Amino acid sequence: METLAQVLIIGFTVGSFYALVALGYTMVYGIVRLINFAHGDLVMVASFIGWVMLQQAWIRDMPALPGIIVAAGVSIVGTALLSLTLLRFLYARLIGRSTLGFLLVTLSVAFALEEIVKLVFGAREQSYPNYALATETITVAGVTFAGMDLVVIGLAGVLMAGMIWFAQRTMTGAAMRALAIDHDAARLMGINVNVLIAAAFVIGAALAAVTGVLSGVYYGRISFDMGFALGLKAFTAAVVGGIGNIGGAVLGGLVIGVLEAVVQGYLAGAWSDAFIFGALILVLYIRPQGILGERVAVRA
């Protein structure tokens, strides 16, 4: 039972990362009904922005938590600006006009971001600073787990709850729900469609930035190709839970994370991807719309 508990904690931690990235996919898909395949690489870019900030002497002199918060804040701003730039100059002309074109462009952007980061920072992994919290362990009822597990799960839970509150309790969330149903009708009701599309991309970028910096602190290392695998599994999680559904993104992320941890803990790590994508095939065969069904991006 102790082993199972530890495996489940790891699964919920990894699943929290997947869920945060899946929420980014969900926000954009619900608004424009298109998949931004560059979203995983936004996480990678954000992790490097955070890493660059944490190398600065004035941040290194700060206590760990304020330093991480400052680095995350700069990463959020930088990633949001990058996302808006991509939307303005590449994506906007394709939204509502060419689904295939949008997918191909986002894939091209993903590969381009990887190559740019590799050229700038090199192909080697970069190491985040070592923080005491990342190595501290906590033992409860005979179960030992890292303190960072609680930080990741707790922060992810707060962000997910905040997203659900935003969707259900704010005017912007209501406008996004209307936009997800029908762009033309929303425009006739006086909703600024372009502003809300930009807001969806900014929110997705902010989630990517938090995930990038948090994963760097948690794992202690980052690389130019980390976004591909993370983005692919997060996309799988979004589809399993029900793409376009906030609750589905969270559920799918946790399911994929726990499944991966159980397979790695009781079988072998080499089998985890086979089980993950096998589960995706099974869910799509039984329930093509995902576990919670497809609804608009901003519904819980």
Protein backbone atom coordinates (compact mmCIF):
# COMPACT_ATOMS: atom_id res chain seq x y z
CA MET A 1 0.00 0.00 0.00
CA GLU A 2 2.86 2.40 0.75
CA THR A 3 4.33 1.78 -2.70
CA LEU A 4 0.94 2.35 -4.31
CA ALA A 5 0.49 5.60 -2.39
CA GLN A 6 3.88 6.87 -3.52
CA VAL A 7 3.13 5.89 -7.11
CA LEU A 8 -0.20 7.73 -6.97
CA ILE A 9 1.44 10.87 -5.58
CA ILE A 10 3.94 10.84 -8.44
CA GLY A 11 1.07 10.23 -10.84
CA PHE A 12 -0.92 13.19 -9.53
CA THR A 13 2.18 15.40 -9.72
CA VAL A 14 2.99 14.48 -13.32
CA GLY A 15 -0.71 14.57 -14.16
CA SER A 16 -0.89 18.13 -12.81
CA PHE A 17 1.71 19.19 -15.36
CA TYR A 18 -0.23 17.48 -18.13
CA ALA A 19 -3.48 19.05 -16.93
CA LEU A 20 -2.04 22.58 -16.95
CA VAL A 21 -0.78 22.18 -20.51
CA ALA A 22 -4.05 20.52 -21.54
CA LEU A 23 -5.91 23.56 -20.21
CA GLY A 24 -3.92 25.69 -22.63
CA TYR A 25 -4.96 23.47 -25.52
CA THR A 26 -8.54 23.60 -24.30
CA MET A 27 -8.71 27.40 -24.07
CA VAL A 28 -7.58 27.90 -27.65
CA TYR A 29 -9.55 24.99 -29.10
CA GLY A 30 -12.78 26.06 -27.45
CA ILE A 31 -12.56 29.56 -28.93
CA VAL A 32 -11.25 28.92 -32.46
CA ARG A 33 -11.96 25.16 -32.80
CA LEU A 34 -8.34 24.59 -33.83
CA ILE A 35 -5.40 22.84 -32.16
CA ASN A 36 -2.30 24.91 -31.47
CA PHE A 37 0.41 22.27 -31.78
CA ALA A 38 3.06 24.82 -30.79
CA HIS A 39 1.63 25.06 -27.28
CA GLY A 40 3.97 22.42 -25.82
CA ASP A 41 6.96 24.35 -27.14
CA LEU A 42 5.66 27.52 -25.49
CA VAL A 43 6.19 25.62 -22.24
CA MET A 44 9.77 24.93 -23.32
CA VAL A 45 10.41 28.58 -24.24
CA ALA A 46 8.92 29.69 -20.92
CA SER A 47 11.21 27.33 -19.01
CA PHE A 48 14.25 28.87 -20.73
CA ILE A 49 13.06 32.40 -20.00
CA GLY A 50 12.72 31.42 -16.35
CA TRP A 51 16.17 29.80 -16.42
CA VAL A 52 17.78 32.94 -17.88
CA MET A 53 16.17 35.07 -15.16
CA LEU A 54 17.30 32.73 -12.39
CA GLN A 55 20.90 33.10 -13.60
CA GLN A 56 20.84 36.84 -12.92
CA ALA A 57 22.88 37.86 -9.88
CA TRP A 58 20.17 40.10 -8.44
CA ILE A 59 17.69 37.23 -8.48
CA ARG A 60 20.20 34.72 -7.11
CA ASP A 61 20.66 37.05 -4.13
CA MET A 62 16.95 36.90 -3.39
CA PRO A 63 15.33 34.19 -1.24
CA ALA A 64 14.24 31.16 -3.27
CA LEU A 65 10.49 31.76 -3.38
CA PRO A 66 10.54 35.46 -4.36
CA GLY A 67 13.21 34.69 -6.96
CA ILE A 68 11.10 31.94 -8.52
CA ILE A 69 8.03 34.19 -8.50
CA VAL A 70 9.93 37.00 -10.28
CA ALA A 71 11.30 34.55 -12.85
CA ALA A 72 7.82 33.11 -13.41
CA GLY A 73 6.35 36.60 -13.78
CA VAL A 74 8.89 37.58 -16.45
CA SER A 75 8.30 34.22 -18.15
CA ILE A 76 4.54 34.83 -18.22
CA VAL A 77 5.01 38.25 -19.81
CA GLY A 78 7.54 36.98 -22.36
CA THR A 79 5.51 33.93 -23.32
CA ALA A 80 2.30 35.95 -23.60
CA LEU A 81 4.02 38.46 -25.91
CA LEU A 82 5.38 35.62 -28.04
CA SER A 83 1.94 34.05 -28.26
CA LEU A 84 0.32 37.35 -29.24
CA THR A 85 3.02 37.94 -31.87
CA LEU A 86 2.40 34.52 -33.38
CA LEU A 87 -1.35 35.15 -33.33
CA ARG A 88 -1.01 38.57 -34.95
CA PHE A 89 1.40 37.68 -37.75
CA LEU A 90 0.78 33.95 -38.39
CA TYR A 91 -2.40 32.53 -36.90
CA ALA A 92 -5.01 35.28 -37.29
CA ARG A 93 -5.23 35.07 -41.07
CA LEU A 94 -5.87 31.30 -40.89
CA ILE A 95 -8.49 31.19 -38.14
CA GLY A 96 -11.84 30.38 -39.71
CA ARG A 97 -10.31 30.02 -43.15
CA SER A 98 -7.97 27.03 -43.27
CA THR A 99 -7.95 24.29 -40.66
CA LEU A 100 -5.15 22.38 -42.35
CA GLY A 101 -3.16 25.56 -42.85
CA PHE A 102 -3.47 26.44 -39.17
CA LEU A 103 -2.31 22.98 -38.08
CA LEU A 104 0.66 23.03 -40.45
CA VAL A 105 1.68 26.51 -39.36
CA THR A 106 1.53 25.64 -35.66
CA LEU A 107 3.59 22.50 -36.28
CA SER A 108 6.12 24.59 -38.19
CA VAL A 109 6.24 27.12 -35.36
CA ALA A 110 6.85 24.29 -32.87
CA PHE A 111 9.85 23.00 -34.80
CA ALA A 112 11.12 26.53 -35.41
CA LEU A 113 11.00 27.36 -31.69
CA GLU A 114 12.94 24.20 -30.88
CA GLU A 115 15.64 25.00 -33.42
CA ILE A 116 15.93 28.63 -32.32
CA VAL A 117 16.31 27.65 -28.67
CA LYS A 118 18.86 24.97 -29.62
CA LEU A 119 20.90 27.51 -31.59
CA VAL A 120 20.79 30.09 -28.80
CA PHE A 121 21.32 27.86 -25.76
CA GLY A 122 22.83 24.74 -27.27
CA ALA A 123 21.61 21.16 -27.45
CA ARG A 124 22.73 20.28 -23.92
CA GLU A 125 20.33 20.20 -21.01
CA GLN A 126 20.40 23.26 -18.79
CA SER A 127 20.16 22.96 -15.02
CA TYR A 128 17.89 25.02 -12.81
CA PRO A 129 19.28 26.15 -9.43
CA ASN A 130 19.04 23.60 -6.63
CA TYR A 131 16.40 24.61 -4.12
CA ALA A 132 15.99 23.00 -0.71
CA LEU A 133 12.28 22.48 -1.26
CA ALA A 134 12.99 20.44 -4.38
CA THR A 135 15.04 17.93 -2.36
CA GLU A 136 13.17 17.92 0.93
CA THR A 137 11.01 14.89 1.68
CA ILE A 138 7.95 14.49 3.87
CA THR A 139 6.82 11.27 5.49
CA VAL A 140 3.15 10.75 6.31
CA ALA A 141 1.82 7.38 7.55
CA GLY A 142 4.93 5.64 6.27
CA VAL A 143 4.68 7.22 2.83
CA THR A 144 7.63 9.38 1.81
CA PHE A 145 7.30 11.95 -0.94
CA ALA A 146 9.01 15.16 -2.04
CA GLY A 147 7.83 18.51 -0.77
CA MET A 148 7.73 19.76 -4.35
CA ASP A 149 5.02 17.19 -5.09
CA LEU A 150 2.70 19.06 -2.75
CA VAL A 151 3.73 22.40 -4.25
CA VAL A 152 3.02 21.24 -7.80
CA ILE A 153 -0.29 19.56 -6.96
CA GLY A 154 -1.42 22.48 -4.79
CA LEU A 155 -0.49 25.20 -7.29
CA ALA A 156 -2.00 23.28 -10.17
CA GLY A 157 -5.18 22.76 -8.15
CA VAL A 158 -5.44 26.50 -7.43
CA LEU A 159 -4.92 27.39 -11.10
CA MET A 160 -7.46 24.83 -12.26
CA ALA A 161 -10.03 26.02 -9.73
CA GLY A 162 -9.32 29.60 -10.82
CA MET A 163 -9.93 28.66 -14.44
CA ILE A 164 -13.28 27.10 -13.58
CA TRP A 165 -14.26 30.16 -11.53
CA PHE A 166 -13.20 32.45 -14.38
CA ALA A 167 -15.27 30.46 -16.85
CA GLN A 168 -18.40 30.34 -14.76
CA ARG A 169 -18.39 33.55 -12.72
CA THR A 170 -16.99 36.35 -14.87
CA MET A 171 -18.39 38.34 -17.77
CA THR A 172 -15.35 37.52 -19.86
CA GLY A 173 -15.89 33.83 -19.19
CA ALA A 174 -19.52 34.15 -20.24
CA ALA A 175 -18.49 35.97 -23.41
CA MET A 176 -16.00 33.21 -24.17
CA ARG A 177 -18.71 30.60 -23.73
CA ALA A 178 -20.88 32.50 -26.19
CA LEU A 179 -17.98 32.85 -28.62
CA ALA A 180 -17.25 29.14 -28.42
CA ILE A 181 -20.79 28.39 -29.59
CA ASP A 182 -21.04 30.82 -32.50
CA HIS A 183 -18.62 33.57 -33.56
CA ASP A 184 -21.13 35.39 -35.75
CA ALA A 185 -23.86 35.42 -33.12
CA ALA A 186 -21.39 36.59 -30.49
CA ARG A 187 -20.25 39.39 -32.79
CA LEU A 188 -23.88 40.48 -33.31
CA MET A 189 -24.30 40.62 -29.53
CA GLY A 190 -21.50 43.19 -29.35
CA ILE A 191 -18.73 40.84 -28.25
CA ASN A 192 -15.28 41.79 -29.49
CA VAL A 193 -14.26 38.46 -31.04
CA ASN A 194 -10.66 39.41 -31.79
CA VAL A 195 -10.01 40.58 -28.25
CA LEU A 196 -11.39 37.36 -26.77
CA ILE A 197 -9.34 35.23 -29.15
CA ALA A 198 -6.25 37.15 -28.04
CA ALA A 199 -7.29 36.67 -24.40
CA ALA A 200 -7.56 32.91 -24.91
CA PHE A 201 -4.04 32.81 -26.36
CA VAL A 202 -2.70 34.92 -23.49
CA ILE A 203 -4.32 32.71 -20.85
CA GLY A 204 -2.94 29.62 -22.55
CA ALA A 205 0.52 31.21 -22.70
CA ALA A 206 0.36 32.14 -19.01
CA LEU A 207 -0.48 28.56 -18.08
CA ALA A 208 2.39 27.38 -20.29
CA ALA A 209 4.79 29.80 -18.56
CA VAL A 210 3.84 28.64 -15.08
CA THR A 211 4.18 25.03 -16.18
CA GLY A 212 7.58 25.66 -17.78
CA VAL A 213 9.15 27.34 -14.75
CA LEU A 214 7.53 24.89 -12.33
CA SER A 215 8.79 21.89 -14.30
CA GLY A 216 12.29 23.38 -14.35
CA VAL A 217 12.27 23.78 -10.58
CA TYR A 218 10.73 20.32 -10.07
CA TYR A 219 12.93 18.29 -12.41
CA GLY A 220 16.00 20.52 -12.14
CA ARG A 221 16.78 20.44 -15.85
CA ILE A 222 15.33 21.62 -19.14
CA SER A 223 16.10 21.00 -22.82
CA PHE A 224 15.11 22.37 -26.20
CA ASP A 225 13.10 19.24 -27.06
CA MET A 226 11.16 18.91 -23.80
CA GLY A 227 8.07 20.60 -25.21
CA PHE A 228 7.30 17.96 -27.84
CA ALA A 229 6.75 15.01 -25.50
CA LEU A 230 5.00 17.15 -22.89
CA GLY A 231 2.74 18.74 -25.48
CA LEU A 232 1.88 15.40 -27.07
CA LYS A 233 0.90 13.80 -23.77
CA ALA A 234 -1.01 16.89 -22.68
CA PHE A 235 -2.89 16.88 -25.98
CA THR A 236 -3.66 13.20 -25.39
CA ALA A 237 -4.94 14.11 -21.92
CA ALA A 238 -7.18 16.83 -23.37
CA VAL A 239 -8.65 14.40 -25.91
CA VAL A 240 -9.14 11.65 -23.33
CA GLY A 241 -10.91 14.04 -20.94
CA GLY A 242 -12.90 15.76 -23.68
CA ILE A 243 -11.19 18.44 -25.75
CA GLY A 244 -12.81 21.82 -25.24
CA ASN A 245 -13.82 21.06 -21.65
CA ILE A 246 -11.96 22.51 -18.65
CA GLY A 247 -13.00 19.69 -16.35
CA GLY A 248 -12.11 17.20 -19.05
CA ALA A 249 -8.61 18.67 -19.40
CA VAL A 250 -8.02 18.32 -15.66
CA LEU A 251 -9.44 14.82 -15.50
CA GLY A 252 -7.56 13.69 -18.60
CA GLY A 253 -4.27 15.07 -17.26
CA LEU A 254 -4.64 13.25 -13.95
CA VAL A 255 -5.70 10.01 -15.65
CA ILE A 256 -2.70 10.06 -18.00
CA GLY A 257 -0.33 11.01 -15.18
CA VAL A 258 -1.52 8.23 -12.86
CA LEU A 259 -1.52 5.68 -15.68
CA GLU A 260 2.06 6.62 -16.59
CA ALA A 261 3.22 6.42 -12.97
CA VAL A 262 1.54 3.04 -12.37
CA VAL A 263 3.06 1.52 -15.50
CA GLN A 264 6.52 2.88 -14.67
CA GLY A 265 6.21 1.81 -11.04
CA TYR A 266 4.95 -1.73 -11.58
CA LEU A 267 6.07 -2.66 -15.10
CA ALA A 268 8.76 -0.64 -16.88
CA GLY A 269 9.17 2.91 -18.09
CA ALA A 270 9.54 1.71 -21.67
CA TRP A 271 5.91 0.54 -21.61
CA SER A 272 4.36 3.81 -20.42
CA ASP A 273 3.86 5.43 -23.83
CA ALA A 274 2.33 2.25 -25.21
CA PHE A 275 -0.24 2.20 -22.39
CA ILE A 276 -0.94 5.94 -22.65
CA PHE A 277 -1.68 5.91 -26.36
CA GLY A 278 -3.42 2.57 -26.04
CA ALA A 279 -5.74 4.22 -23.51
CA LEU A 280 -6.31 7.05 -25.97
CA ILE A 281 -7.34 4.58 -28.67
CA LEU A 282 -9.63 2.75 -26.24
CA VAL A 283 -11.34 5.94 -25.05
CA LEU A 284 -11.84 7.21 -28.60
CA TYR A 285 -13.25 3.84 -29.64
CA ILE A 286 -15.71 3.66 -26.74
CA ARG A 287 -16.46 7.36 -26.34
CA PRO A 288 -15.12 9.45 -29.26
CA GLN A 289 -15.98 12.75 -27.59
CA GLY A 290 -13.85 11.93 -24.54
CA ILE A 291 -14.75 10.97 -20.98
CA LEU A 292 -16.68 14.16 -20.20
CA GLY A 293 -17.78 14.79 -23.76
CA GLU A 294 -16.96 17.77 -25.91
CA ARG A 295 -18.22 21.07 -24.67
CA VAL A 296 -16.98 24.61 -25.13
CA ALA A 297 -13.55 25.47 -23.80
CA VAL A 298 -14.75 27.56 -20.91
CA ARG A 299 -17.28 25.21 -19.40
CA ALA A 300 -16.32 23.20 -16.39
